[in-house]
Protein backbone atom coordinates (compact mmCIF):
# COMPACT_ATOMS: atom_id res chain seq x y z
CA MET A 1 -84.04 -177.96 -43.99
CA LYS A 2 -82.12 -176.19 -46.64
CA SER A 3 -80.51 -173.71 -44.35
CA PHE A 4 -79.54 -176.59 -42.10
CA SER A 5 -77.75 -178.41 -44.79
CA ILE A 6 -75.79 -175.28 -45.82
CA LEU A 7 -74.75 -174.78 -42.26
CA THR A 8 -73.83 -178.38 -41.82
CA LEU A 9 -71.82 -178.27 -44.98
CA VAL A 10 -69.88 -175.22 -43.77
CA LEU A 11 -69.20 -176.76 -40.44
CA VAL A 12 -67.89 -180.03 -42.02
CA ILE A 13 -65.66 -178.09 -44.39
CA SER A 14 -64.32 -176.01 -41.47
CA LEU A 15 -63.54 -178.96 -39.40
CA THR A 16 -62.01 -180.85 -42.27
CA LEU A 17 -59.74 -177.85 -43.00
CA SER A 18 -58.80 -177.25 -39.46
CA ALA A 19 -58.03 -181.03 -38.99
CA CYS A 20 -55.94 -181.02 -42.07
CA GLY A 21 -54.03 -177.88 -41.07
CA ALA A 22 -53.37 -179.01 -37.54
CA GLY A 23 -51.94 -182.32 -38.50
CA ALA A 24 -49.66 -180.96 -41.33
CA THR A 25 -45.96 -180.53 -40.65
CA PRO A 26 -44.45 -177.46 -42.34
CA THR A 27 -41.60 -178.20 -44.62
CA VAL A 28 -38.44 -176.07 -44.56
CA GLN A 29 -36.39 -175.46 -47.71
CA PRO A 30 -32.62 -176.18 -47.45
CA VAL A 31 -31.72 -172.81 -48.84
CA ASP A 32 -33.72 -171.14 -46.22
CA LEU A 33 -32.09 -173.31 -43.49
CA GLN A 34 -28.70 -172.22 -44.70
CA GLY A 35 -29.57 -168.61 -44.77
CA THR A 36 -30.75 -168.75 -41.18
CA ILE A 37 -27.64 -170.44 -39.98
CA ALA A 38 -25.32 -167.88 -41.89
CA ALA A 39 -27.18 -165.07 -40.37
CA ALA A 40 -26.84 -166.47 -36.87
CA ALA A 41 -23.12 -167.01 -37.47
CA PHE A 42 -22.56 -163.42 -38.71
CA THR A 43 -24.40 -162.08 -35.72
CA ILE A 44 -22.17 -164.04 -33.20
CA VAL A 45 -19.05 -162.81 -35.11
CA ALA A 46 -20.23 -159.21 -35.07
CA GLU A 47 -21.15 -159.37 -31.35
CA THR A 48 -17.63 -160.91 -30.60
CA GLN A 49 -15.87 -158.12 -32.49
CA ALA A 50 -17.88 -155.51 -30.73
CA ALA A 51 -17.04 -157.08 -27.36
CA ILE A 52 -13.13 -156.87 -27.96
CA PRO A 53 -11.56 -153.79 -26.40
CA THR A 54 -10.03 -151.29 -28.81
CA ALA A 55 -6.14 -151.42 -29.03
CA THR A 56 -4.52 -148.65 -27.18
CA PRO A 57 -1.53 -147.19 -29.11
CA LEU A 58 1.98 -147.75 -27.58
CA PRO A 59 3.66 -144.70 -26.07
CA PRO A 60 6.21 -143.19 -28.30
CA THR A 61 9.76 -144.52 -28.09
CA ALA A 62 12.68 -142.36 -27.14
CA THR A 63 14.20 -140.54 -30.10
CA PHE A 64 17.96 -140.69 -30.10
CA THR A 65 19.56 -137.40 -31.20
CA ASP A 66 23.11 -137.09 -32.75
CA THR A 67 24.58 -135.15 -29.83
CA PRO A 68 28.34 -135.08 -30.07
CA LEU A 69 30.27 -136.57 -27.07
CA PRO A 70 32.10 -134.16 -24.81
CA THR A 71 35.60 -133.45 -25.97
CA LEU A 72 38.57 -134.33 -23.80
CA THR A 73 40.38 -131.34 -22.61
CA SER A 74 44.02 -131.86 -21.89
CA ILE A 75 45.42 -130.76 -18.60
CA PRO A 76 47.99 -128.02 -19.13
CA LEU A 77 51.52 -129.33 -18.22
CA PRO A 78 53.53 -127.45 -15.73
CA SER A 79 56.07 -125.02 -17.17
CA SER A 80 59.46 -126.38 -16.93
CA ALA A 81 62.72 -124.53 -16.20
CA ILE A 82 64.47 -126.58 -18.95
CA THR A 83 64.60 -124.91 -22.36
CA LEU A 84 65.22 -126.82 -25.53
CA THR A 85 67.73 -125.44 -27.97
CA PRO A 86 67.17 -126.35 -31.60
CA VAL A 87 69.85 -128.50 -33.05
CA PRO A 88 71.63 -126.79 -35.99
CA ASN A 89 71.50 -128.56 -39.35
CA ASN A 90 68.57 -130.78 -38.27
CA ASN A 91 66.60 -132.08 -41.20
CA ALA A 92 64.27 -134.50 -39.37
CA GLY A 93 61.39 -133.24 -41.50
CA GLY A 94 58.13 -132.68 -39.53
CA ASP A 95 57.35 -129.02 -39.46
CA ASP A 96 60.55 -128.10 -41.36
CA PRO A 97 59.31 -125.62 -44.20
CA CYS A 98 62.58 -126.25 -46.15
CA ILE A 99 61.68 -129.78 -47.37
CA HIS A 100 58.94 -128.17 -49.70
CA LYS A 101 61.23 -125.26 -50.88
CA VAL A 102 63.39 -125.27 -53.96
CA MET A 103 67.03 -124.43 -53.17
CA PRO A 104 67.80 -120.92 -54.63
CA SER A 105 69.95 -120.87 -57.71
CA THR A 106 72.38 -118.48 -56.04
CA LEU A 107 73.60 -119.37 -52.63
CA GLN A 108 75.62 -117.28 -50.12
CA GLY A 109 78.77 -118.82 -48.69
CA ASP A 110 81.97 -120.56 -49.43
CA PRO A 111 81.49 -122.70 -52.52
CA VAL A 112 81.82 -126.46 -52.63
CA ARG A 113 82.08 -128.82 -55.44
CA VAL A 114 79.86 -132.09 -55.46
CA ARG A 115 79.78 -134.93 -57.85
CA ILE A 116 77.07 -137.48 -57.77
CA ASP A 117 77.54 -141.00 -59.66
CA ASN A 118 74.86 -143.39 -60.60
CA SER A 119 76.45 -146.84 -60.41
CA THR A 120 73.08 -148.64 -60.96
CA LYS A 121 71.55 -149.99 -64.05
CA ALA A 122 68.41 -147.84 -63.66
CA THR A 123 67.51 -144.29 -64.42
CA LEU A 124 67.34 -142.55 -61.04
CA SER A 125 65.62 -139.49 -59.56
CA VAL A 126 67.99 -137.69 -57.20
CA SER A 127 67.28 -135.08 -54.72
CA VAL A 128 69.87 -132.89 -52.93
CA TYR A 129 68.68 -131.16 -49.78
CA LEU A 130 70.49 -128.35 -48.05
CA ASN A 131 69.77 -127.26 -44.49
CA GLN A 132 72.16 -124.51 -43.68
CA ALA A 133 71.37 -123.15 -40.31
CA GLU A 134 74.46 -120.87 -39.94
CA PRO A 135 75.47 -118.34 -41.01
CA ASN A 136 73.05 -117.55 -43.90
CA GLY A 137 70.12 -119.88 -43.10
CA GLN A 138 69.66 -121.24 -46.51
CA CYS A 139 67.82 -124.33 -47.27
CA GLY A 140 65.82 -126.24 -49.85
CA TYR A 141 66.25 -128.94 -52.46
CA ARG A 142 67.24 -129.57 -56.05
CA SER A 143 66.32 -132.45 -58.22
CA TYR A 144 68.23 -134.36 -60.95
CA THR A 145 67.68 -137.33 -63.24
CA LEU A 146 70.62 -139.61 -63.83
CA ALA A 147 70.78 -142.40 -66.39
CA PRO A 148 72.59 -145.68 -65.72
CA GLY A 149 76.26 -144.95 -65.25
CA GLU A 150 75.75 -141.16 -65.60
CA PHE A 151 76.98 -138.45 -63.05
CA VAL A 152 76.23 -134.91 -62.34
CA LEU A 153 78.86 -132.29 -61.18
CA ILE A 154 77.40 -129.49 -59.14
CA ASN A 155 79.57 -126.31 -58.83
CA ASN A 156 77.24 -123.87 -57.32
CA LEU A 157 76.77 -125.30 -53.79
CA VAL A 158 77.99 -123.79 -50.68
CA GLU A 159 79.25 -125.15 -47.31
CA GLY A 160 76.53 -126.72 -45.31
CA CYS A 161 74.86 -129.92 -44.50
CA TYR A 162 73.34 -131.97 -47.23
CA THR A 163 70.99 -135.03 -47.34
CA LEU A 164 70.87 -136.93 -50.73
CA TRP A 165 68.06 -139.34 -51.77
CA ALA A 166 68.00 -141.42 -54.88
CA TRP A 167 65.21 -143.82 -56.02
CA ASN A 168 64.14 -145.84 -58.99
CA PRO A 169 60.76 -144.61 -60.02
CA ASP A 170 60.00 -147.92 -61.87
CA PRO A 171 57.43 -149.78 -59.65
CA ALA A 172 58.92 -153.13 -60.99
CA ALA A 173 62.27 -152.47 -59.63
CA TYR A 174 61.64 -149.62 -57.11
CA PHE A 175 64.26 -148.77 -54.33
CA ILE A 176 65.13 -145.70 -52.41
CA VAL A 177 68.43 -144.93 -50.71
CA THR A 178 69.94 -141.96 -48.84
CA ASN A 179 73.29 -140.83 -47.33
CA GLY A 180 71.88 -139.77 -44.06
CA THR A 181 73.39 -136.23 -43.63
CA SER A 182 76.88 -135.08 -44.70
CA CYS A 183 78.20 -131.58 -43.69
CA LEU A 184 80.47 -130.33 -46.45
CA ASP A 185 83.12 -127.62 -46.37
CA ASN A 186 85.35 -126.16 -49.12
CA SER A 187 88.39 -128.22 -48.16
CA SER A 188 88.01 -130.52 -51.11
CA SER A 189 85.70 -131.95 -53.71
CA TRP A 190 82.97 -134.30 -52.51
CA ASN A 191 82.01 -137.41 -54.47
CA PHE A 192 78.84 -139.43 -53.75
CA ASP A 193 78.38 -142.85 -55.22
CA ILE A 194 74.80 -144.24 -55.57
CA SER A 195 74.13 -148.05 -55.46
CA THR A 196 70.89 -149.95 -54.98
CA SER A 197 71.65 -150.29 -51.27
CA SER A 198 73.08 -146.87 -50.18
CA ILE A 199 74.74 -143.48 -51.14
CA LYS A 200 78.28 -143.47 -49.92
CA LEU A 201 80.59 -140.49 -49.71
CA ARG A 202 83.90 -141.25 -51.29
CA THR A 203 86.96 -139.28 -49.91
């Protein structure tokens, strides 16, 4: 009887426990639920990233080099039967080496006497340029400074063609004048008068 009651007691306890366990609803903590959701989301993101194809690098772009353009070669002109004779006493400048050459202090040829008057109210810089093609081929320039109303008398020039320039170096009242070209001989004295508008040869 005693063994029956122990067996009965064990059976009752087992049934009670199994009945309580089967009817109980397990409870889930909110923190555990959040962790599960986050893990599932990270798994989806990881699988999505793994499914994206890898980016293929673009082909390299063309590199421009600093290659010079072809030069234009001029077509040679046909030779002409016409020959150009240099004009004597031409002082156009350009390739004329005389424009940068100081006139020699001693000149060969028939002497001429030249007077240059400054009729302006400014101190002027004056340049006398000789281009004597024949017979001695002398050339070059001489420079002078003339105060207002002052003149210079030049006794050591020779027959030839002369160009005179005069200018006021003061930027506030700057001007420049020239006579053009005057060919002088030893027949008389030559007088040049400088004004703000011209250089005139007085006879």
